[in-house]
């Protein structure tokens, strides 16, 4: 069954769509053998290739989520400070994925502007230079080239990145994960799964009985869903 991405807004909470695995690249100071040079310029190269096809002129937005200290402690940038998200101490990929979903929701609802924008070249690559160390989110993109349609999920990337020797690499390259979207017939039904993730509500005492989720189709409200504890 084909999978599609929808914009979902629900009271500024994190709602995750089960589409494809996202790319999360983060590091831990437990593996580092040196501090981060926080004044050094960095670069981030993202490539968009799917099924052997490189996508040119793909518009990519890059958001700086947090500054990072020499001992790898994050501080939210002004653009994301109102979210009050906790970025330090995250260990599992599931937690990073949840954070990515939450950040995407805030960007959509609050209209947060990107730090940089760029387009891919003929090799399907876009390079953002002159970046300061921190945590960045590259936007998701939906592209179509001739008969091939692909969806590239967003990427949450720590810059610089840590290599296998525990050394910081200030030129970071990421291959964005793309998924081919098969053709869909006009009368074909598409199924989505929406999950509300609760966190930090002190033993569920403050949770409402249900929440209302607005589902948009092509920018217009399509239907509303009500999520309960079930």
Protein backbone atom coordinates (compact mmCIF):
# COMPACT_ATOMS: atom_id res chain seq x y z
CA UNK A 1 0.00 0.00 0.00
CA UNK A 2 1.33 3.39 -0.90
CA UNK A 3 2.36 5.72 1.86
CA UNK A 4 1.84 9.45 1.82
CA UNK A 5 2.69 12.29 4.13
CA UNK A 6 0.04 14.63 5.53
CA UNK A 7 0.33 17.82 7.54
CA UNK A 8 -1.09 17.19 11.01
CA UNK A 9 -1.56 19.94 13.58
CA UNK A 10 -2.87 19.23 17.08
CA UNK A 11 -2.33 21.72 19.87
CA UNK A 12 1.42 21.98 19.28
CA UNK A 13 2.01 18.37 20.28
CA UNK A 14 4.22 15.78 18.66
CA UNK A 15 2.32 13.61 16.25
CA UNK A 16 4.34 11.07 14.30
CA UNK A 17 3.32 9.62 10.93
CA UNK A 18 4.42 6.10 10.24
CA UNK A 19 5.97 6.61 6.84
CA UNK A 20 9.59 5.62 6.37
CA UNK A 21 12.56 5.63 8.77
CA UNK A 22 14.00 9.10 9.11
CA UNK A 23 17.68 9.94 9.21
CA UNK A 24 19.06 10.95 12.58
CA UNK A 25 22.75 11.60 13.05
CA UNK A 26 23.72 12.56 16.58
CA UNK A 27 26.72 11.98 18.77
CA UNK A 28 27.59 11.38 22.42
CA UNK A 29 30.47 12.84 24.37
CA UNK A 30 31.17 9.41 25.81
CA UNK A 31 32.73 8.52 22.45
CA UNK A 32 34.63 11.79 21.92
CA UNK A 33 38.35 12.07 22.66
CA UNK A 34 38.48 15.84 22.15
CA UNK A 35 36.22 18.88 22.72
CA UNK A 36 34.35 20.56 19.88
CA UNK A 37 35.95 23.66 18.37
CA UNK A 38 32.80 25.76 18.61
CA UNK A 39 34.21 28.67 16.56
CA UNK A 40 35.17 26.54 13.56
CA UNK A 41 33.09 26.80 10.40
CA UNK A 42 31.37 23.60 9.29
CA UNK A 43 29.70 22.34 6.15
CA UNK A 44 26.80 19.95 5.59
CA UNK A 45 26.30 18.17 2.26
CA UNK A 46 22.99 16.39 1.65
CA UNK A 47 22.46 14.07 -1.31
CA UNK A 48 19.10 13.13 -2.80
CA UNK A 49 19.33 9.95 -4.86
CA UNK A 50 16.64 7.29 -5.14
CA UNK A 51 16.66 4.10 -7.21
CA UNK A 52 19.88 5.22 -8.89
CA UNK A 53 18.40 8.57 -9.94
CA UNK A 54 19.91 11.85 -8.69
CA UNK A 55 17.32 14.58 -8.25
CA UNK A 56 18.37 18.03 -9.46
CA UNK A 57 16.90 21.38 -8.37
CA UNK A 58 15.39 19.94 -5.19
CA UNK A 59 14.65 22.82 -2.81
CA UNK A 60 15.98 22.05 0.67
CA UNK A 61 15.47 24.12 3.83
CA UNK A 62 17.90 23.91 6.73
CA UNK A 63 16.91 24.89 10.27
CA UNK A 64 19.36 25.41 13.11
CA UNK A 65 17.70 23.86 16.13
CA UNK A 66 20.39 24.29 18.76
CA UNK A 67 23.84 25.64 19.54
CA UNK A 68 26.37 23.20 20.98
CA UNK A 69 29.09 23.76 23.56
CA UNK A 70 32.64 22.38 23.49
CA UNK A 71 31.53 19.50 25.76
CA UNK A 72 28.51 18.77 23.53
CA UNK A 73 25.69 20.33 25.50
CA UNK A 74 22.81 21.71 23.45
CA UNK A 75 21.07 25.06 23.88
CA UNK A 76 18.00 25.80 21.77
CA UNK A 77 18.32 28.66 19.29
CA UNK A 78 16.01 31.66 19.56
CA UNK A 79 13.80 30.22 16.83
CA UNK A 80 13.08 27.11 18.89
CA UNK A 81 13.46 28.43 22.45
CA UNK A 82 9.70 28.65 22.97
CA UNK A 83 9.40 24.88 22.47
CA UNK A 84 11.26 24.20 25.77
CA UNK A 85 12.41 20.88 24.34
CA UNK A 86 15.10 18.95 26.17
CA UNK A 87 17.94 17.93 23.85
CA UNK A 88 20.60 16.75 26.27
CA UNK A 89 20.80 13.19 27.54
CA UNK A 90 18.97 11.62 24.59
CA UNK A 91 20.31 8.11 24.02
CA UNK A 92 18.06 6.09 21.71
CA UNK A 93 17.20 6.55 18.05
CA UNK A 94 13.50 6.41 18.98
CA UNK A 95 13.94 9.48 21.19
CA UNK A 96 15.74 11.34 18.38
CA UNK A 97 12.96 10.38 15.97
CA UNK A 98 10.34 11.65 18.39
CA UNK A 99 12.28 14.91 18.70
CA UNK A 100 12.43 15.24 14.92
CA UNK A 101 8.66 14.81 14.64
CA UNK A 102 8.10 17.41 17.34
CA UNK A 103 10.41 19.91 15.66
CA UNK A 104 8.61 19.48 12.34
CA UNK A 105 5.29 20.23 14.05
CA UNK A 106 6.62 23.45 15.61
CA UNK A 107 8.12 24.56 12.28
CA UNK A 108 4.78 24.04 10.56
CA UNK A 109 2.60 25.62 13.23
CA UNK A 110 4.86 28.54 14.22
CA UNK A 111 6.07 29.31 10.70
CA UNK A 112 9.72 29.12 11.75
CA UNK A 113 12.06 30.41 9.04
CA UNK A 114 15.03 28.32 7.87
CA UNK A 115 18.63 29.24 8.59
CA UNK A 116 19.59 28.50 4.98
CA UNK A 117 17.99 27.34 1.73
CA UNK A 118 19.52 25.67 -1.29
CA UNK A 119 18.90 23.49 -4.34
CA UNK A 120 20.54 20.26 -5.38
CA UNK A 121 22.96 20.15 -8.32
CA UNK A 122 23.04 17.66 -11.20
CA UNK A 123 24.50 15.05 -8.83
CA UNK A 124 21.58 15.44 -6.45
CA UNK A 125 23.69 17.20 -3.82
CA UNK A 126 23.29 20.46 -1.95
CA UNK A 127 26.04 21.89 0.25
CA UNK A 128 25.47 24.32 3.11
CA UNK A 129 28.70 26.06 4.10
CA UNK A 130 29.66 28.52 6.82
CA UNK A 131 27.66 26.69 9.49
CA UNK A 132 28.51 26.97 13.15
CA UNK A 133 28.50 23.79 15.27
CA UNK A 134 25.04 22.76 16.38
CA UNK A 135 22.03 20.58 15.69
CA UNK A 136 20.33 21.07 12.32
CA UNK A 137 17.10 19.84 10.74
CA UNK A 138 16.92 19.45 6.95
CA UNK A 139 13.39 19.61 5.58
CA UNK A 140 11.55 16.68 4.06
CA UNK A 141 11.06 16.87 0.29
CA UNK A 142 8.64 15.31 -2.18
CA UNK A 143 10.02 15.17 -5.70
CA UNK A 144 8.98 13.89 -9.11
CA UNK A 145 11.28 13.44 -12.08
CA UNK A 146 9.83 11.98 -15.26
CA UNK A 147 8.05 8.78 -14.16
CA UNK A 148 9.82 8.48 -10.82
CA UNK A 149 8.22 9.97 -7.71
CA UNK A 150 10.08 9.88 -4.38
CA UNK A 151 9.72 11.10 -0.83
CA UNK A 152 12.79 12.03 1.21
CA UNK A 153 12.18 12.29 4.92
CA UNK A 154 13.64 15.06 7.05
CA UNK A 155 17.09 14.65 8.56
CA UNK A 156 18.23 15.67 12.03
CA UNK A 157 22.00 16.11 11.90
CA UNK A 158 24.64 17.03 14.46
CA UNK A 159 27.41 19.21 13.01
CA UNK A 160 30.25 18.40 13.47
CA UNK A 161 29.90 14.62 13.48
CA UNK A 162 31.97 12.09 15.38
CA UNK A 163 34.07 9.55 13.46
CA UNK A 164 34.96 6.01 14.54
CA UNK A 165 38.11 7.29 16.26
CA UNK A 166 36.23 9.74 18.46
CA UNK A 167 37.41 12.77 16.46
CA UNK A 168 35.14 15.58 15.30
CA UNK A 169 34.60 15.95 11.54
CA UNK A 170 33.57 19.48 10.53
CA UNK A 171 32.64 18.58 6.96
CA UNK A 172 29.57 16.38 7.24
CA UNK A 173 27.91 14.44 4.41
CA UNK A 174 24.50 12.78 4.66
CA UNK A 175 22.68 10.62 2.12
CA UNK A 176 19.00 11.42 2.57
CA UNK A 177 16.81 8.34 2.64
CA UNK A 178 14.37 8.25 -0.24
CA UNK A 179 11.32 6.08 -0.81
CA UNK A 180 9.72 5.46 -4.19
CA UNK A 181 6.03 6.36 -4.23
CA UNK A 182 4.15 4.00 -6.55
CA UNK A 183 1.34 5.36 -8.74
CA UNK A 184 -2.04 5.54 -7.03
CA UNK A 185 -5.35 5.02 -8.79
CA UNK A 186 -7.96 7.75 -8.37
CA UNK A 187 -10.33 5.46 -6.44
CA UNK A 188 -7.64 3.73 -4.37
CA UNK A 189 -7.94 4.08 -0.61
CA UNK A 190 -4.84 5.07 1.34
CA UNK A 191 -4.40 4.22 4.99
CA UNK A 192 -2.52 6.31 7.56
CA UNK A 193 -1.67 5.68 11.17
CA UNK A 194 -1.47 8.60 13.60
CA UNK A 195 0.06 8.15 17.05
CA UNK A 196 0.11 10.65 19.92
CA UNK A 197 3.24 10.34 22.05
CA UNK A 198 2.92 11.55 25.65
CA UNK A 199 5.95 12.58 27.65
CA UNK A 200 6.59 14.42 30.91
CA UNK A 201 3.00 14.51 32.24
CA UNK A 202 3.74 13.01 35.67
CA UNK A 203 2.08 9.65 35.57
CA UNK A 204 -0.69 10.49 33.11
CA UNK A 205 -2.65 12.58 35.65
CA UNK A 206 -2.81 15.66 33.41
CA UNK A 207 -3.75 13.94 30.16
CA UNK A 208 -7.07 14.90 28.57
CA UNK A 209 -9.57 12.19 27.73
CA UNK A 210 -9.00 12.76 24.01
CA UNK A 211 -7.40 15.14 21.52
CA UNK A 212 -8.62 16.39 18.18
CA UNK A 213 -6.34 16.02 15.16
CA UNK A 214 -6.91 18.06 12.01
CA UNK A 215 -5.87 16.24 8.84
CA UNK A 216 -5.13 18.38 5.80
CA UNK A 217 -5.22 17.31 2.16
CA UNK A 218 -3.49 19.58 -0.36
CA UNK A 219 -3.57 22.45 2.13
CA UNK A 220 -7.28 22.16 2.94
CA UNK A 221 -8.91 20.55 5.98
CA UNK A 222 -9.93 17.02 4.94
CA UNK A 223 -11.27 15.54 8.17
CA UNK A 224 -10.85 15.49 11.93
CA UNK A 225 -9.78 12.52 14.00
CA UNK A 226 -10.26 12.04 17.74
CA UNK A 227 -7.56 10.14 19.58
CA UNK A 228 -8.34 8.56 22.96
CA UNK A 229 -6.18 6.54 25.34
CA UNK A 230 -6.87 3.53 23.10
